[in-house]
PDB file of N, CA and C in Angstrom:
ATOM      1  N   MET A   1      13.935  -7.847 -15.449  1.00  0.00           N
ATOM      2  CA  MET A   1      14.096  -6.685 -14.584  1.00  0.00           C
ATOM      3  C   MET A   1      12.893  -5.761 -14.771  1.00  0.00           C
ATOM      4  N   ALA A   2      12.269  -5.380 -13.658  1.00  0.00           N
ATOM      5  CA  ALA A   2      11.076  -4.542 -13.690  1.00  0.00           C
ATOM      6  C   ALA A   2      11.444  -3.082 -13.943  1.00  0.00           C
ATOM      7  N   ILE A   3      10.520  -2.380 -14.551  1.00  0.00           N
ATOM      8  CA  ILE A   3      10.673  -0.949 -14.821  1.00  0.00           C
ATOM      9  C   ILE A   3      10.309  -0.174 -13.560  1.00  0.00           C
ATOM     10  N   GLU A   4      11.085   0.862 -13.258  1.00  0.00           N
ATOM     11  CA  GLU A   4      10.848   1.682 -12.076  1.00  0.00           C
ATOM     12  C   GLU A   4       9.524   2.421 -12.191  1.00  0.00           C
ATOM     13  N   LEU A   5       8.800   2.500 -11.094  1.00  0.00           N
ATOM     14  CA  LEU A   5       7.518   3.189 -11.052  1.00  0.00           C
ATOM     15  C   LEU A   5       7.725   4.686 -11.229  1.00  0.00           C
ATOM     16  N   LYS A   6       6.972   5.266 -12.126  1.00  0.00           N
ATOM     17  CA  LYS A   6       6.931   6.721 -12.326  1.00  0.00           C
ATOM     18  C   LYS A   6       5.500   7.147 -12.027  1.00  0.00           C
ATOM     19  N   PRO A   7       5.256   7.749 -10.855  1.00  0.00           N
ATOM     20  CA  PRO A   7       3.884   8.096 -10.485  1.00  0.00           C
ATOM     21  C   PRO A   7       3.301   9.193 -11.359  1.00  0.00           C
ATOM     22  N   ASN A   8       2.029   9.077 -11.655  1.00  0.00           N
ATOM     23  CA  ASN A   8       1.318  10.139 -12.354  1.00  0.00           C
ATOM     24  C   ASN A   8       1.221  11.329 -11.408  1.00  0.00           C
ATOM     25  N   PRO A   9       1.340  12.556 -11.927  1.00  0.00           N
ATOM     26  CA  PRO A   9       1.407  13.739 -11.063  1.00  0.00           C
ATOM     27  C   PRO A   9       0.245  13.883 -10.075  1.00  0.00           C
ATOM     28  N   GLY A  10      -0.959  13.533 -10.448  1.00  0.00           N
ATOM     29  CA  GLY A  10      -2.108  13.702  -9.560  1.00  0.00           C
ATOM     30  C   GLY A  10      -2.346  12.551  -8.605  1.00  0.00           C
ATOM     31  N   ASP A  11      -1.593  11.470  -8.746  1.00  0.00           N
ATOM     32  CA  ASP A  11      -1.799  10.299  -7.906  1.00  0.00           C
ATOM     33  C   ASP A  11      -1.050  10.444  -6.586  1.00  0.00           C
ATOM     34  N   ARG A  12      -1.753  10.152  -5.506  1.00  0.00           N
ATOM     35  CA  ARG A  12      -1.158  10.124  -4.167  1.00  0.00           C
ATOM     36  C   ARG A  12      -1.132   8.656  -3.754  1.00  0.00           C
ATOM     37  N   ILE A  13       0.068   8.127  -3.622  1.00  0.00           N
ATOM     38  CA  ILE A  13       0.262   6.684  -3.511  1.00  0.00           C
ATOM     39  C   ILE A  13       0.769   6.281  -2.134  1.00  0.00           C
ATOM     40  N   LEU A  14       0.171   5.215  -1.617  1.00  0.00           N
ATOM     41  CA  LEU A  14       0.617   4.598  -0.384  1.00  0.00           C
ATOM     42  C   LEU A  14       1.091   3.194  -0.748  1.00  0.00           C
ATOM     43  N   CYS A  15       2.399   2.942  -0.566  1.00  0.00           N
ATOM     44  CA  CYS A  15       2.977   1.626  -0.840  1.00  0.00           C
ATOM     45  C   CYS A  15       3.040   0.840   0.456  1.00  0.00           C
ATOM     46  N   LEU A  16       2.621  -0.430   0.392  1.00  0.00           N
ATOM     47  CA  LEU A  16       2.630  -1.293   1.566  1.00  0.00           C
ATOM     48  C   LEU A  16       3.294  -2.614   1.223  1.00  0.00           C
ATOM     49  N   LYS A  17       4.388  -2.919   1.921  1.00  0.00           N
ATOM     50  CA  LYS A  17       5.052  -4.214   1.715  1.00  0.00           C
ATOM     51  C   LYS A  17       4.209  -5.295   2.389  1.00  0.00           C
ATOM     52  N   VAL A  18       3.760  -6.263   1.611  1.00  0.00           N
ATOM     53  CA  VAL A  18       2.853  -7.276   2.144  1.00  0.00           C
ATOM     54  C   VAL A  18       3.424  -8.683   2.109  1.00  0.00           C
ATOM     55  N   GLY A  19       4.627  -8.872   1.666  1.00  0.00           N
ATOM     56  CA  GLY A  19       5.183 -10.200   1.467  1.00  0.00           C
ATOM     57  C   GLY A  19       5.318 -11.078   2.696  1.00  0.00           C
ATOM     58  N   LYS A  20       5.363 -10.511   3.884  1.00  0.00           N
ATOM     59  CA  LYS A  20       5.603 -11.312   5.084  1.00  0.00           C
ATOM     60  C   LYS A  20       4.343 -11.532   5.914  1.00  0.00           C
ATOM     61  N   ILE A  21       3.206 -11.086   5.422  1.00  0.00           N
ATOM     62  CA  ILE A  21       1.963 -11.177   6.176  1.00  0.00           C
ATOM     63  C   ILE A  21       1.057 -12.208   5.524  1.00  0.00           C
ATOM     64  N   ALA A  22       0.664 -13.237   6.265  1.00  0.00           N
ATOM     65  CA  ALA A  22      -0.195 -14.280   5.698  1.00  0.00           C
ATOM     66  C   ALA A  22      -1.654 -14.022   6.070  1.00  0.00           C
ATOM     67  N   ARG A  23      -2.479 -13.817   5.062  1.00  0.00           N
ATOM     68  CA  ARG A  23      -3.932 -13.684   5.244  1.00  0.00           C
ATOM     69  C   ARG A  23      -4.609 -14.393   4.082  1.00  0.00           C
ATOM     70  N   GLU A  24      -5.935 -14.292   4.012  1.00  0.00           N
ATOM     71  CA  GLU A  24      -6.721 -15.039   3.035  1.00  0.00           C
ATOM     72  C   GLU A  24      -6.314 -14.797   1.577  1.00  0.00           C
ATOM     73  N   ASN A  25      -6.074 -13.537   1.233  1.00  0.00           N
ATOM     74  CA  ASN A  25      -5.753 -13.181  -0.149  1.00  0.00           C
ATOM     75  C   ASN A  25      -5.001 -11.851  -0.165  1.00  0.00           C
ATOM     76  N   LEU A  26      -4.568 -11.434  -1.331  1.00  0.00           N
ATOM     77  CA  LEU A  26      -3.746 -10.224  -1.442  1.00  0.00           C
ATOM     78  C   LEU A  26      -4.498  -8.973  -0.978  1.00  0.00           C
ATOM     79  N   TYR A  27      -5.776  -8.894  -1.252  1.00  0.00           N
ATOM     80  CA  TYR A  27      -6.566  -7.747  -0.784  1.00  0.00           C
ATOM     81  C   TYR A  27      -6.546  -7.676   0.742  1.00  0.00           C
ATOM     82  N   GLU A  28      -6.824  -8.787   1.404  1.00  0.00           N
ATOM     83  CA  GLU A  28      -6.833  -8.804   2.865  1.00  0.00           C
ATOM     84  C   GLU A  28      -5.436  -8.540   3.424  1.00  0.00           C
ATOM     85  N   MET A  29      -4.409  -9.025   2.746  1.00  0.00           N
ATOM     86  CA  MET A  29      -3.034  -8.769   3.182  1.00  0.00           C
ATOM     87  C   MET A  29      -2.703  -7.282   3.102  1.00  0.00           C
ATOM     88  N   THR A  30      -3.277  -6.610   2.113  1.00  0.00           N
ATOM     89  CA  THR A  30      -2.946  -5.211   1.863  1.00  0.00           C
ATOM     90  C   THR A  30      -3.765  -4.251   2.712  1.00  0.00           C
ATOM     91  N   ARG A  31      -4.995  -4.562   2.963  1.00  0.00           N
ATOM     92  CA  ARG A  31      -5.894  -3.573   3.547  1.00  0.00           C
ATOM     93  C   ARG A  31      -5.857  -3.440   5.066  1.00  0.00           C
ATOM     94  N   LYS A  32      -5.283  -4.397   5.779  1.00  0.00           N
ATOM     95  CA  LYS A  32      -5.454  -4.422   7.230  1.00  0.00           C
ATOM     96  C   LYS A  32      -4.194  -4.157   8.053  1.00  0.00           C
ATOM     97  N   TYR A  33      -4.421  -3.473   9.168  1.00  0.00           N
ATOM     98  CA  TYR A  33      -3.526  -3.387  10.320  1.00  0.00           C
ATOM     99  C   TYR A  33      -2.222  -2.641  10.062  1.00  0.00           C
ATOM    100  N   TRP A  34      -2.326  -1.462   9.500  1.00  0.00           N
ATOM    101  CA  TRP A  34      -1.132  -0.667   9.203  1.00  0.00           C
ATOM    102  C   TRP A  34      -0.959   0.445  10.218  1.00  0.00           C
ATOM    103  N   LYS A  35       0.283   0.677  10.567  1.00  0.00           N
ATOM    104  CA  LYS A  35       0.629   1.768  11.468  1.00  0.00           C
ATOM    105  C   LYS A  35       0.898   2.993  10.600  1.00  0.00           C
ATOM    106  N   VAL A  36      -0.181   3.697  10.266  1.00  0.00           N
ATOM    107  CA  VAL A  36      -0.120   4.888   9.422  1.00  0.00           C
ATOM    108  C   VAL A  36      -0.937   5.989  10.091  1.00  0.00           C
ATOM    109  N   GLY A  37      -0.669   7.222   9.701  1.00  0.00           N
ATOM    110  CA  GLY A  37      -1.494   8.329  10.149  1.00  0.00           C
ATOM    111  C   GLY A  37      -2.807   8.290   9.386  1.00  0.00           C
ATOM    112  N   LEU A  38      -3.915   8.197  10.100  1.00  0.00           N
ATOM    113  CA  LEU A  38      -5.217   8.057   9.455  1.00  0.00           C
ATOM    114  C   LEU A  38      -5.511   9.209   8.507  1.00  0.00           C
ATOM    115  N   ASN A  39      -5.264  10.433   8.928  1.00  0.00           N
ATOM    116  CA  ASN A  39      -5.547  11.591   8.068  1.00  0.00           C
ATOM    117  C   ASN A  39      -4.683  11.577   6.807  1.00  0.00           C
ATOM    118  N   ARG A  40      -3.451  11.165   6.951  1.00  0.00           N
ATOM    119  CA  ARG A  40      -2.566  11.099   5.780  1.00  0.00           C
ATOM    120  C   ARG A  40      -2.992   9.972   4.847  1.00  0.00           C
ATOM    121  N   ALA A  41      -3.312   8.818   5.405  1.00  0.00           N
ATOM    122  CA  ALA A  41      -3.732   7.678   4.595  1.00  0.00           C
ATOM    123  C   ALA A  41      -4.997   7.997   3.812  1.00  0.00           C
ATOM    124  N   LYS A  42      -5.895   8.762   4.395  1.00  0.00           N
ATOM    125  CA  LYS A  42      -7.154   9.116   3.719  1.00  0.00           C
ATOM    126  C   LYS A  42      -6.918   9.927   2.447  1.00  0.00           C
ATOM    127  N   LYS A  43      -5.765  10.535   2.318  1.00  0.00           N
ATOM    128  CA  LYS A  43      -5.446  11.330   1.124  1.00  0.00           C
ATOM    129  C   LYS A  43      -4.982  10.476  -0.046  1.00  0.00           C
ATOM    130  N   ALA A  44      -4.667   9.203   0.204  1.00  0.00           N
ATOM    131  CA  ALA A  44      -4.145   8.323  -0.850  1.00  0.00           C
ATOM    132  C   ALA A  44      -5.222   8.033  -1.898  1.00  0.00           C
ATOM    133  N   THR A  45      -4.828   8.149  -3.151  1.00  0.00           N
ATOM    134  CA  THR A  45      -5.724   7.785  -4.252  1.00  0.00           C
ATOM    135  C   THR A  45      -5.477   6.352  -4.704  1.00  0.00           C
ATOM    136  N   HIS A  46      -4.306   5.819  -4.372  1.00  0.00           N
ATOM    137  CA  HIS A  46      -3.928   4.451  -4.744  1.00  0.00           C
ATOM    138  C   HIS A  46      -3.169   3.804  -3.585  1.00  0.00           C
ATOM    139  N   VAL A  47      -3.443   2.531  -3.346  1.00  0.00           N
ATOM    140  CA  VAL A  47      -2.689   1.740  -2.372  1.00  0.00           C
ATOM    141  C   VAL A  47      -2.049   0.599  -3.149  1.00  0.00           C
ATOM    142  N   LEU A  48      -0.723   0.508  -3.081  1.00  0.00           N
ATOM    143  CA  LEU A  48       0.015  -0.506  -3.835  1.00  0.00           C
ATOM    144  C   LEU A  48       0.479  -1.627  -2.920  1.00  0.00           C
ATOM    145  N   ALA A  49       0.132  -2.851  -3.285  1.00  0.00           N
ATOM    146  CA  ALA A  49       0.608  -4.031  -2.575  1.00  0.00           C
ATOM    147  C   ALA A  49       1.958  -4.397  -3.163  1.00  0.00           C
ATOM    148  N   VAL A  50       3.002  -4.347  -2.335  1.00  0.00           N
ATOM    149  CA  VAL A  50       4.375  -4.547  -2.799  1.00  0.00           C
ATOM    150  C   VAL A  50       4.940  -5.849  -2.233  1.00  0.00           C
ATOM    151  N   VAL A  51       5.474  -6.687  -3.119  1.00  0.00           N
ATOM    152  CA  VAL A  51       6.124  -7.930  -2.724  1.00  0.00           C
ATOM    153  C   VAL A  51       7.511  -7.942  -3.358  1.00  0.00           C
ATOM    154  N   ASN A  52       8.544  -8.025  -2.530  1.00  0.00           N
ATOM    155  CA  ASN A  52       9.932  -8.024  -3.002  1.00  0.00           C
ATOM    156  C   ASN A  52      10.240  -6.835  -3.900  1.00  0.00           C
ATOM    157  N   GLY A  53       9.674  -5.667  -3.560  1.00  0.00           N
ATOM    158  CA  GLY A  53       9.966  -4.435  -4.280  1.00  0.00           C
ATOM    159  C   GLY A  53       9.162  -4.209  -5.544  1.00  0.00           C
ATOM    160  N   ILE A  54       8.293  -5.141  -5.889  1.00  0.00           N
ATOM    161  CA  ILE A  54       7.501  -5.041  -7.124  1.00  0.00           C
ATOM    162  C   ILE A  54       6.026  -4.909  -6.774  1.00  0.00           C
ATOM    163  N   VAL A  55       5.308  -4.042  -7.493  1.00  0.00           N
ATOM    164  CA  VAL A  55       3.875  -3.852  -7.267  1.00  0.00           C
ATOM    165  C   VAL A  55       3.121  -5.068  -7.794  1.00  0.00           C
ATOM    166  N   GLU A  56       2.474  -5.779  -6.880  1.00  0.00           N
ATOM    167  CA  GLU A  56       1.702  -6.970  -7.242  1.00  0.00           C
ATOM    168  C   GLU A  56       0.249  -6.646  -7.540  1.00  0.00           C
ATOM    169  N   SER A  57      -0.286  -5.637  -6.846  1.00  0.00           N
ATOM    170  CA  SER A  57      -1.690  -5.287  -7.016  1.00  0.00           C
ATOM    171  C   SER A  57      -1.891  -3.829  -6.629  1.00  0.00           C
ATOM    172  N   VAL A  58      -2.948  -3.227  -7.177  1.00  0.00           N
ATOM    173  CA  VAL A  58      -3.269  -1.832  -6.898  1.00  0.00           C
ATOM    174  C   VAL A  58      -4.725  -1.760  -6.450  1.00  0.00           C
ATOM    175  N   PHE A  59      -4.958  -1.002  -5.388  1.00  0.00           N
ATOM    176  CA  PHE A  59      -6.305  -0.828  -4.864  1.00  0.00           C
ATOM    177  C   PHE A  59      -6.637   0.655  -4.798  1.00  0.00           C
ATOM    178  N   ILE A  60      -7.905   0.966  -5.062  1.00  0.00           N
ATOM    179  CA  ILE A  60      -8.409   2.326  -4.934  1.00  0.00           C
ATOM    180  C   ILE A  60      -9.186   2.363  -3.617  1.00  0.00           C
ATOM    181  N   PRO A  61      -8.640   3.041  -2.601  1.00  0.00           N
ATOM    182  CA  PRO A  61      -9.298   3.037  -1.295  1.00  0.00           C
ATOM    183  C   PRO A  61     -10.575   3.872  -1.309  1.00  0.00           C
ATOM    184  N   LYS A  62     -11.589   3.361  -0.643  1.00  0.00           N
ATOM    185  CA  LYS A  62     -12.861   4.095  -0.489  1.00  0.00           C
ATOM    186  C   LYS A  62     -12.948   4.717   0.904  1.00  0.00           C
ATOM    187  N   THR A  63     -12.628   3.920   1.920  1.00  0.00           N
ATOM    188  CA  THR A  63     -12.679   4.423   3.293  1.00  0.00           C
ATOM    189  C   THR A  63     -11.476   3.914   4.075  1.00  0.00           C
ATOM    190  N   TRP A  64     -10.988   4.754   4.972  1.00  0.00           N
ATOM    191  CA  TRP A  64      -9.937   4.385   5.923  1.00  0.00           C
ATOM    192  C   TRP A  64     -10.506   4.538   7.321  1.00  0.00           C
ATOM    193  N   MET A  65     -10.119   3.658   8.229  1.00  0.00           N
ATOM    194  CA  MET A  65     -10.614   3.721   9.600  1.00  0.00           C
ATOM    195  C   MET A  65      -9.619   3.032  10.521  1.00  0.00           C
ATOM    196  N   TYR A  66      -9.758   3.317  11.817  1.00  0.00           N
ATOM    197  CA  TYR A  66      -9.014   2.538  12.798  1.00  0.00           C
ATOM    198  C   TYR A  66      -9.671   1.172  12.890  1.00  0.00           C
ATOM    199  N   THR A  67      -8.867   0.130  13.010  1.00  0.00           N
ATOM    200  CA  THR A  67      -9.417  -1.210  13.094  1.00  0.00           C
ATOM    201  C   THR A  67     -10.132  -1.416  14.426  1.00  0.00           C
ATOM    202  N   ASP A  68     -11.128  -2.294  14.406  1.00  0.00           N
ATOM    203  CA  ASP A  68     -11.806  -2.639  15.658  1.00  0.00           C
ATOM    204  C   ASP A  68     -11.262  -3.949  16.239  1.00  0.00           C
ATOM    205  N   ASN A  69     -10.198  -4.479  15.619  1.00  0.00           N
ATOM    206  CA  ASN A  69      -9.570  -5.697  16.108  1.00  0.00           C
ATOM    207  C   ASN A  69      -8.711  -5.354  17.330  1.00  0.00           C
ATOM    208  N   PRO A  70      -9.054  -5.903  18.508  1.00  0.00           N
ATOM    209  CA  PRO A  70      -8.301  -5.547  19.717  1.00  0.00           C
ATOM    210  C   PRO A  70      -6.831  -5.976  19.690  1.00  0.00           C
ATOM    211  N   ASP A  71      -6.478  -6.934  18.853  1.00  0.00           N
ATOM    212  CA  ASP A  71      -5.079  -7.360  18.740  1.00  0.00           C
ATOM    213  C   ASP A  71      -4.232  -6.345  17.975  1.00  0.00           C
ATOM    214  N   HIS A  72      -4.875  -5.406  17.276  1.00  0.00           N
ATOM    215  CA  HIS A  72      -4.162  -4.427  16.456  1.00  0.00           C
ATOM    216  C   HIS A  72      -4.639  -3.002  16.766  1.00  0.00           C
ATOM    217  N   GLU A  73      -4.898  -2.745  18.015  1.00  0.00           N
ATOM    218  CA  GLU A  73      -5.393  -1.447  18.453  1.00  0.00           C
ATOM    219  C   GLU A  73      -4.478  -0.312  17.986  1.00  0.00           C
ATOM    220  N   GLY A  74      -5.089   0.752  17.469  1.00  0.00           N
ATOM    221  CA  GLY A  74      -4.344   1.912  17.008  1.00  0.00           C
ATOM    222  C   GLY A  74      -3.872   1.826  15.573  1.00  0.00           C
ATOM    223  N   ARG A  75      -4.076   0.681  14.947  1.00  0.00           N
ATOM    224  CA  ARG A  75      -3.672   0.521  13.544  1.00  0.00           C
ATOM    225  C   ARG A  75      -4.860   0.780  12.631  1.00  0.00           C
ATOM    226  N   CYS A  76      -4.554   1.009  11.357  1.00  0.00           N
ATOM    227  CA  CYS A  76      -5.589   1.389  10.399  1.00  0.00           C
ATOM    228  C   CYS A  76      -5.796   0.315   9.346  1.00  0.00           C
ATOM    229  N   GLU A  77      -6.982   0.393   8.729  1.00  0.00           N
ATOM    230  CA  GLU A  77      -7.321  -0.485   7.621  1.00  0.00           C
ATOM    231  C   GLU A  77      -8.198   0.296   6.652  1.00  0.00           C
ATOM    232  N   PHE A  78      -8.324  -0.227   5.436  1.00  0.00           N
ATOM    233  CA  PHE A  78      -9.163   0.435   4.449  1.00  0.00           C
ATOM    234  C   PHE A  78     -10.062  -0.583   3.757  1.00  0.00           C
ATOM    235  N   THR A  79     -11.078  -0.055   3.105  1.00  0.00           N
ATOM    236  CA  THR A  79     -11.874  -0.848   2.174  1.00  0.00           C
ATOM    237  C   THR A  79     -11.709  -0.168   0.821  1.00  0.00           C
ATOM    238  N   GLY A  80     -11.771  -0.961  -0.236  1.00  0.00           N
ATOM    239  CA  GLY A  80     -11.594  -0.391  -1.560  1.00  0.00           C
ATOM    240  C   GLY A  80     -11.800  -1.426  -2.640  1.00  0.00           C
ATOM    241  N   THR A  81     -11.460  -1.029  -3.855  1.00  0.00           N
ATOM    242  CA  THR A  81     -11.617  -1.912  -5.008  1.00  0.00           C
ATOM    243  C   THR A  81     -10.279  -2.093  -5.703  1.00  0.00           C
ATOM    244  N   GLU A  82     -10.103  -3.237  -6.315  1.00  0.00           N
ATOM    245  CA  GLU A  82      -8.863  -3.525  -7.032  1.00  0.00           C
ATOM    246  C   GLU A  82      -8.901  -2.880  -8.415  1.00  0.00           C
ATOM    247  N   ASP A  83      -7.790  -2.310  -8.818  1.00  0.00           N
ATOM    248  CA  ASP A  83      -7.624  -1.742 -10.160  1.00  0.00           C
ATOM    249  C   ASP A  83      -6.755  -2.710 -10.950  1.00  0.00           C
ATOM    250  N   VAL A  84      -7.392  -3.677 -11.594  1.00  0.00           N
ATOM    251  CA  VAL A  84      -6.652  -4.738 -12.279  1.00  0.00           C
ATOM    252  C   VAL A  84      -5.963  -4.256 -13.553  1.00  0.00           C
ATOM    253  N   SER A  85      -6.324  -3.092 -14.047  1.00  0.00           N
ATOM    254  CA  SER A  85      -5.704  -2.587 -15.276  1.00  0.00           C
ATOM    255  C   SER A  85      -4.704  -1.459 -15.020  1.00  0.00           C
ATOM    256  N   SER A  86      -4.303  -1.263 -13.770  1.00  0.00           N
ATOM    257  CA  SER A  86      -3.386  -0.179 -13.418  1.00  0.00           C
ATOM    258  C   SER A  86      -2.031  -0.341 -14.098  1.00  0.00           C
ATOM    259  N   ASP A  87      -1.495   0.778 -14.559  1.00  0.00           N
ATOM    260  CA  ASP A  87      -0.149   0.792 -15.144  1.00  0.00           C
ATOM    261  C   ASP A  87       0.931   0.565 -14.085  1.00  0.00           C
ATOM    262  N   TYR A  88       0.581   0.673 -12.813  1.00  0.00           N
ATOM    263  CA  TYR A  88       1.559   0.492 -11.749  1.00  0.00           C
ATOM    264  C   TYR A  88       1.891  -0.980 -11.485  1.00  0.00           C
ATOM    265  N   ILE A  89       1.043  -1.894 -11.888  1.00  0.00           N
ATOM    266  CA  ILE A  89       1.272  -3.317 -11.638  1.00  0.00           C
ATOM    267  C   ILE A  89       2.553  -3.764 -12.350  1.00  0.00           C
ATOM    268  N   GLY A  90       3.402  -4.457 -11.599  1.00  0.00           N
ATOM    269  CA  GLY A  90       4.664  -4.952 -12.143  1.00  0.00           C
ATOM    270  C   GLY A  90       5.815  -3.970 -12.071  1.00  0.00           C
ATOM    271  N   LYS A  91       5.558  -2.748 -11.597  1.00  0.00           N
ATOM    272  CA  LYS A  91       6.612  -1.739 -11.520  1.00  0.00           C
ATOM    273  C   LYS A  91       7.441  -1.916 -10.249  1.00  0.00           C
ATOM    274  N   ASP A  92       8.685  -1.477 -10.321  1.00  0.00           N
ATOM    275  CA  ASP A  92       9.659  -1.568  -9.244  1.00  0.00           C
ATOM    276  C   ASP A  92       9.588  -0.314  -8.380  1.00  0.00           C
ATOM    277  N   VAL A  93       9.369  -0.490  -7.070  1.00  0.00           N
ATOM    278  CA  VAL A  93       9.306   0.650  -6.151  1.00  0.00           C
ATOM    279  C   VAL A  93      10.452   0.658  -5.143  1.00  0.00           C
ATOM    280  N   ARG A  94      11.446  -0.197  -5.345  1.00  0.00           N
ATOM    281  CA  ARG A  94      12.558  -0.276  -4.384  1.00  0.00           C
ATOM    282  C   ARG A  94      13.273   1.054  -4.213  1.00  0.00           C
ATOM    283  N   GLY A  95      13.313   1.882  -5.233  1.00  0.00           N
ATOM    284  CA  GLY A  95      13.976   3.171  -5.152  1.00  0.00           C
ATOM    285  C   GLY A  95      13.305   4.142  -4.196  1.00  0.00           C
ATOM    286  N   PHE A  96      12.062   3.880  -3.812  1.00  0.00           N
ATOM    287  CA  PHE A  96      11.345   4.740  -2.878  1.00  0.00           C
ATOM    288  C   PHE A  96      11.590   4.347  -1.423  1.00  0.00           C
ATOM    289  N   TYR A  97      12.199   3.183  -1.215  1.00  0.00           N
ATOM    290  CA  TYR A  97      12.511   2.703   0.132  1.00  0.00           C
ATOM    291  C   TYR A  97      14.000   2.923   0.389  1.00  0.00           C
ATOM    292  N   LYS A  98      14.346   3.416   1.569  1.00  0.00           N
ATOM    293  CA  LYS A  98      15.747   3.604   1.922  1.00  0.00           C
ATOM    294  C   LYS A  98      16.400   2.249   2.139  1.00  0.00           C
ATOM    295  N   GLN A  99      17.644   2.137   1.741  1.00  0.00           N
ATOM    296  CA  GLN A  99      18.419   0.897   1.912  1.00  0.00           C
ATOM    297  C   GLN A  99      18.415   0.482   3.381  1.00  0.00           C
ATOM    298  N   GLY A 100      18.013  -0.742   3.645  1.00  0.00           N
ATOM    299  CA  GLY A 100      18.031  -1.280   4.991  1.00  0.00           C
ATOM    300  C   GLY A 100      16.840  -0.895   5.855  1.00  0.00           C
ATOM    301  N   SER A 101      15.911  -0.118   5.317  1.00  0.00           N
ATOM    302  CA  SER A 101      14.750   0.295   6.095  1.00  0.00           C
ATOM    303  C   SER A 101      13.798  -0.876   6.312  1.00  0.00           C
ATOM    304  N   SER A 102      13.312  -1.023   7.527  1.00  0.00           N
ATOM    305  CA  SER A 102      12.361  -2.091   7.811  1.00  0.00           C
ATOM    306  C   SER A 102      10.916  -1.598   7.786  1.00  0.00           C
ATOM    307  N   ASN A 103      10.719  -0.294   7.613  1.00  0.00           N
ATOM    308  CA  ASN A 103       9.369   0.257   7.569  1.00  0.00           C
ATOM    309  C   ASN A 103       8.676  -0.200   6.281  1.00  0.00           C
ATOM    310  N   PRO A 104       7.526  -0.883   6.392  1.00  0.00           N
ATOM    311  CA  PRO A 104       6.846  -1.395   5.202  1.00  0.00           C
ATOM    312  C   PRO A 104       5.992  -0.355   4.473  1.00  0.00           C
ATOM    313  N   VAL A 105       5.918   0.858   5.008  1.00  0.00           N
ATOM    314  CA  VAL A 105       5.031   1.887   4.461  1.00  0.00           C
ATOM    315  C   VAL A 105       5.849   2.987   3.778  1.00  0.00           C
ATOM    316  N   ARG A 106       5.417   3.376   2.590  1.00  0.00           N
ATOM    317  CA  ARG A 106       6.022   4.518   1.887  1.00  0.00           C
ATOM    318  C   ARG A 106       4.923   5.332   1.237  1.00  0.00           C
ATOM    319  N   TYR A 107       5.088   6.642   1.321  1.00  0.00           N
ATOM    320  CA  TYR A 107       4.161   7.577   0.691  1.00  0.00           C
ATOM    321  C   TYR A 107       4.842   8.174  -0.538  1.00  0.00           C
ATOM    322  N   ILE A 108       4.116   8.275  -1.643  1.00  0.00           N
ATOM    323  CA  ILE A 108       4.655   8.874  -2.868  1.00  0.00           C
ATOM    324  C   ILE A 108       3.689   9.979  -3.299  1.00  0.00           C
ATOM    325  N   ASN A 109       4.235  11.156  -3.584  1.00  0.00           N
ATOM    326  CA  ASN A 109       3.432  12.340  -3.971  1.00  0.00           C
ATOM    327  C   ASN A 109       2.475  12.775  -2.859  1.00  0.00           C
ATOM    328  N   MET A 110       2.875  12.540  -1.620  1.00  0.00           N
ATOM    329  CA  MET A 110       2.010  12.943  -0.498  1.00  0.00           C
ATOM    330  C   MET A 110       2.813  13.792   0.474  1.00  0.00           C
TER     331      MET A 110
END
């Protein structure tokens, strides 16, 4: 059983459920084509890739932008670096999602 995520006070976290999206790798699965507010997403200090309620990977976003992919017009993507030593990896974030919610995006401390 995973330990529940306790965010650090200064961290602004964007959680993204990525388990149902097939792309080249976890970074590509996490960074592309999200229906988020661009200005709000730009405030995130950490982006968490979530699979089955558990943080699989953590990324530090550098830039957020609207995608130029015409199949995903109006959606956002980011570029960033992976934080392989993050304390958030392996933590449970299910408590931040409402029961039965299908929205894959959650903001923490934002």
